[in-house]
Amino acid sequence: MMKGQKGYVLVQARGSFTERAFKSVKAHISRWYELHRQRGQLAKLSDEALKDLGLSRADVYRETEQHFWNDTMNR
């Protein structure tokens, strides 16, 4: 810092533990819903569309049979 200059620090409040916990739970539930929705859409694709994606009906069955909380992408 140069002579005569005053330094200021901006401090951002992180929120309470309850607020952070609620946001975390909300994010997990949103992700689980998105996984459920995507797996449902995948199951509705035709065999031709699956072939274009390089997937078989067995791959789709294996994916759609997973529990909604099983996030293989770890997001």
N, C-alpha and C. Protein backbone atom coordinates (compact mmCIF):
# COMPACT_ATOMS: atom_id res chain seq x y z
N MET A 1 0.84 -1.16 0.00
CA MET A 1 0.00 0.00 0.00
C MET A 1 0.90 1.24 0.00
N MET A 2 0.48 2.24 -0.73
CA MET A 2 1.26 3.47 -0.82
C MET A 2 1.04 4.34 0.42
N LYS A 3 2.02 5.16 0.70
CA LYS A 3 1.95 6.05 1.86
C LYS A 3 0.74 6.97 1.76
N GLY A 4 -0.02 7.05 2.83
CA GLY A 4 -1.18 7.92 2.87
C GLY A 4 -2.46 7.27 2.36
N GLN A 5 -2.35 6.05 1.86
CA GLN A 5 -3.52 5.35 1.35
C GLN A 5 -4.17 4.55 2.47
N LYS A 6 -5.47 4.53 2.47
CA LYS A 6 -6.18 3.74 3.46
C LYS A 6 -6.69 2.47 2.79
N GLY A 7 -6.52 1.35 3.43
CA GLY A 7 -6.99 0.09 2.87
C GLY A 7 -8.29 -0.33 3.52
N TYR A 8 -9.20 -0.81 2.71
CA TYR A 8 -10.47 -1.29 3.21
C TYR A 8 -10.68 -2.72 2.74
N VAL A 9 -11.28 -3.49 3.60
CA VAL A 9 -11.55 -4.88 3.28
C VAL A 9 -13.05 -5.07 3.32
N LEU A 10 -13.58 -5.63 2.26
CA LEU A 10 -15.00 -5.94 2.20
C LEU A 10 -15.20 -7.36 2.71
N VAL A 11 -15.97 -7.48 3.75
CA VAL A 11 -16.22 -8.79 4.34
C VAL A 11 -17.67 -9.17 4.03
N GLN A 12 -17.83 -10.34 3.45
CA GLN A 12 -19.17 -10.82 3.12
C GLN A 12 -19.60 -11.83 4.16
N ALA A 13 -20.75 -11.63 4.71
CA ALA A 13 -21.27 -12.56 5.71
C ALA A 13 -21.62 -13.88 5.04
N ARG A 14 -21.28 -14.97 5.68
CA ARG A 14 -21.54 -16.30 5.11
C ARG A 14 -22.93 -16.81 5.45
N GLY A 15 -23.61 -16.16 6.33
CA GLY A 15 -24.93 -16.63 6.71
C GLY A 15 -24.82 -17.61 7.87
N SER A 16 -25.94 -17.86 8.45
CA SER A 16 -25.96 -18.77 9.59
C SER A 16 -25.83 -20.21 9.15
N PHE A 17 -25.54 -21.06 10.09
CA PHE A 17 -25.44 -22.49 9.80
C PHE A 17 -26.75 -23.02 9.23
N THR A 18 -27.86 -22.56 9.77
CA THR A 18 -29.18 -23.01 9.31
C THR A 18 -29.41 -22.62 7.86
N GLU A 19 -29.03 -21.41 7.50
CA GLU A 19 -29.20 -20.95 6.12
C GLU A 19 -28.36 -21.77 5.15
N ARG A 20 -27.11 -22.02 5.54
CA ARG A 20 -26.23 -22.82 4.68
C ARG A 20 -26.73 -24.26 4.56
N ALA A 21 -27.21 -24.81 5.65
CA ALA A 21 -27.74 -26.18 5.62
C ALA A 21 -28.98 -26.26 4.73
N PHE A 22 -29.85 -25.27 4.84
CA PHE A 22 -31.06 -25.25 4.02
C PHE A 22 -30.70 -25.16 2.54
N LYS A 23 -29.73 -24.31 2.19
CA LYS A 23 -29.31 -24.18 0.79
C LYS A 23 -28.72 -25.49 0.27
N SER A 24 -27.97 -26.16 1.12
CA SER A 24 -27.38 -27.44 0.71
C SER A 24 -28.45 -28.49 0.47
N VAL A 25 -29.41 -28.57 1.36
CA VAL A 25 -30.51 -29.53 1.20
C VAL A 25 -31.31 -29.21 -0.05
N LYS A 26 -31.58 -27.94 -0.26
CA LYS A 26 -32.33 -27.50 -1.44
C LYS A 26 -31.58 -27.87 -2.73
N ALA A 27 -30.26 -27.68 -2.74
CA ALA A 27 -29.45 -28.02 -3.91
C ALA A 27 -29.49 -29.52 -4.18
N HIS A 28 -29.40 -30.33 -3.13
CA HIS A 28 -29.46 -31.78 -3.31
C HIS A 28 -30.82 -32.23 -3.85
N ILE A 29 -31.88 -31.69 -3.31
CA ILE A 29 -33.22 -32.06 -3.76
C ILE A 29 -33.41 -31.64 -5.21
N SER A 30 -32.93 -30.47 -5.58
CA SER A 30 -33.03 -30.01 -6.97
C SER A 30 -32.26 -30.94 -7.91
N ARG A 31 -31.07 -31.34 -7.50
CA ARG A 31 -30.27 -32.25 -8.33
C ARG A 31 -30.94 -33.60 -8.47
N TRP A 32 -31.50 -34.12 -7.37
CA TRP A 32 -32.19 -35.41 -7.41
C TRP A 32 -33.40 -35.35 -8.34
N TYR A 33 -34.14 -34.24 -8.28
CA TYR A 33 -35.29 -34.09 -9.18
C TYR A 33 -34.83 -34.07 -10.63
N GLU A 34 -33.74 -33.35 -10.89
CA GLU A 34 -33.22 -33.26 -12.26
C GLU A 34 -32.77 -34.64 -12.76
N LEU A 35 -32.12 -35.42 -11.92
CA LEU A 35 -31.71 -36.78 -12.29
C LEU A 35 -32.94 -37.63 -12.63
N HIS A 36 -33.95 -37.56 -11.79
CA HIS A 36 -35.19 -38.31 -12.01
C HIS A 36 -35.83 -37.93 -13.35
N ARG A 37 -35.87 -36.63 -13.62
CA ARG A 37 -36.48 -36.13 -14.86
C ARG A 37 -35.68 -36.59 -16.08
N GLN A 38 -34.35 -36.48 -16.01
CA GLN A 38 -33.51 -36.87 -17.14
C GLN A 38 -33.59 -38.37 -17.41
N ARG A 39 -33.62 -39.16 -16.35
CA ARG A 39 -33.71 -40.60 -16.53
C ARG A 39 -35.05 -40.99 -17.14
N GLY A 40 -36.11 -40.27 -16.78
CA GLY A 40 -37.42 -40.51 -17.39
C GLY A 40 -37.42 -40.17 -18.87
N GLN A 41 -36.78 -39.07 -19.23
CA GLN A 41 -36.68 -38.70 -20.65
C GLN A 41 -35.86 -39.71 -21.43
N LEU A 42 -34.79 -40.20 -20.83
CA LEU A 42 -33.95 -41.19 -21.47
C LEU A 42 -34.74 -42.46 -21.76
N ALA A 43 -35.57 -42.86 -20.82
CA ALA A 43 -36.37 -44.08 -20.98
C ALA A 43 -37.39 -43.94 -22.11
N LYS A 44 -37.81 -42.73 -22.42
CA LYS A 44 -38.83 -42.50 -23.45
C LYS A 44 -38.24 -42.42 -24.86
N LEU A 45 -36.91 -42.38 -24.98
CA LEU A 45 -36.30 -42.27 -26.31
C LEU A 45 -36.51 -43.54 -27.12
N SER A 46 -36.60 -43.36 -28.42
CA SER A 46 -36.76 -44.51 -29.32
C SER A 46 -35.43 -45.24 -29.46
N ASP A 47 -35.51 -46.45 -29.98
CA ASP A 47 -34.30 -47.24 -30.20
C ASP A 47 -33.37 -46.55 -31.19
N GLU A 48 -33.94 -45.87 -32.19
CA GLU A 48 -33.12 -45.16 -33.17
C GLU A 48 -32.35 -44.01 -32.51
N ALA A 49 -33.03 -43.27 -31.64
CA ALA A 49 -32.38 -42.16 -30.94
C ALA A 49 -31.29 -42.68 -30.01
N LEU A 50 -31.56 -43.79 -29.35
CA LEU A 50 -30.55 -44.38 -28.47
C LEU A 50 -29.32 -44.84 -29.27
N LYS A 51 -29.57 -45.39 -30.45
CA LYS A 51 -28.47 -45.83 -31.31
C LYS A 51 -27.60 -44.64 -31.70
N ASP A 52 -28.25 -43.50 -32.00
CA ASP A 52 -27.51 -42.28 -32.34
C ASP A 52 -26.62 -41.83 -31.18
N LEU A 53 -27.08 -42.08 -29.97
CA LEU A 53 -26.31 -41.70 -28.78
C LEU A 53 -25.28 -42.75 -28.39
N GLY A 54 -25.34 -43.90 -29.03
CA GLY A 54 -24.40 -44.97 -28.70
C GLY A 54 -24.82 -45.76 -27.48
N LEU A 55 -26.12 -45.77 -27.21
CA LEU A 55 -26.65 -46.49 -26.04
C LEU A 55 -27.55 -47.63 -26.48
N SER A 56 -27.62 -48.63 -25.64
CA SER A 56 -28.55 -49.73 -25.90
C SER A 56 -29.71 -49.63 -24.92
N ARG A 57 -30.75 -50.39 -25.17
CA ARG A 57 -31.89 -50.41 -24.27
C ARG A 57 -31.45 -50.94 -22.90
N ALA A 58 -30.47 -51.85 -22.88
CA ALA A 58 -29.95 -52.37 -21.61
C ALA A 58 -29.24 -51.26 -20.82
N ASP A 59 -28.51 -50.39 -21.51
CA ASP A 59 -27.87 -49.26 -20.84
C ASP A 59 -28.91 -48.35 -20.20
N VAL A 60 -29.97 -48.10 -20.92
CA VAL A 60 -31.05 -47.24 -20.42
C VAL A 60 -31.72 -47.90 -19.23
N TYR A 61 -31.98 -49.18 -19.32
CA TYR A 61 -32.62 -49.89 -18.21
C TYR A 61 -31.74 -49.82 -16.96
N ARG A 62 -30.44 -50.02 -17.13
CA ARG A 62 -29.50 -49.98 -16.01
C ARG A 62 -29.50 -48.58 -15.36
N GLU A 63 -29.56 -47.55 -16.19
CA GLU A 63 -29.55 -46.18 -15.67
C GLU A 63 -30.86 -45.83 -14.98
N THR A 64 -31.98 -46.21 -15.58
CA THR A 64 -33.27 -45.82 -15.01
C THR A 64 -33.63 -46.62 -13.76
N GLU A 65 -32.98 -47.75 -13.53
CA GLU A 65 -33.25 -48.54 -12.34
C GLU A 65 -32.48 -48.05 -11.11
N GLN A 66 -31.60 -47.07 -11.30
CA GLN A 66 -30.85 -46.54 -10.17
C GLN A 66 -31.76 -45.68 -9.28
N HIS A 67 -31.40 -45.60 -8.01
CA HIS A 67 -32.14 -44.73 -7.09
C HIS A 67 -31.88 -43.28 -7.46
N PHE A 68 -32.85 -42.43 -7.16
CA PHE A 68 -32.73 -41.02 -7.54
C PHE A 68 -31.54 -40.34 -6.87
N TRP A 69 -31.13 -40.80 -5.71
CA TRP A 69 -30.02 -40.16 -5.02
C TRP A 69 -28.65 -40.65 -5.50
N ASN A 70 -28.65 -41.66 -6.38
CA ASN A 70 -27.39 -42.19 -6.90
C ASN A 70 -26.95 -41.33 -8.08
N ASP A 71 -26.08 -40.37 -7.81
CA ASP A 71 -25.61 -39.44 -8.82
C ASP A 71 -24.23 -39.89 -9.28
N THR A 72 -24.16 -40.56 -10.41
CA THR A 72 -22.88 -41.09 -10.89
C THR A 72 -21.94 -39.97 -11.35
N MET A 73 -22.46 -38.78 -11.59
CA MET A 73 -21.63 -37.65 -12.01
C MET A 73 -21.08 -36.90 -10.80
N ASN A 74 -21.55 -37.24 -9.60
CA ASN A 74 -21.11 -36.62 -8.34
C ASN A 74 -21.19 -35.11 -8.37
N ARG A 75 -22.33 -34.60 -8.75
CA ARG A 75 -22.53 -33.14 -8.78
C ARG A 75 -23.18 -32.68 -7.52
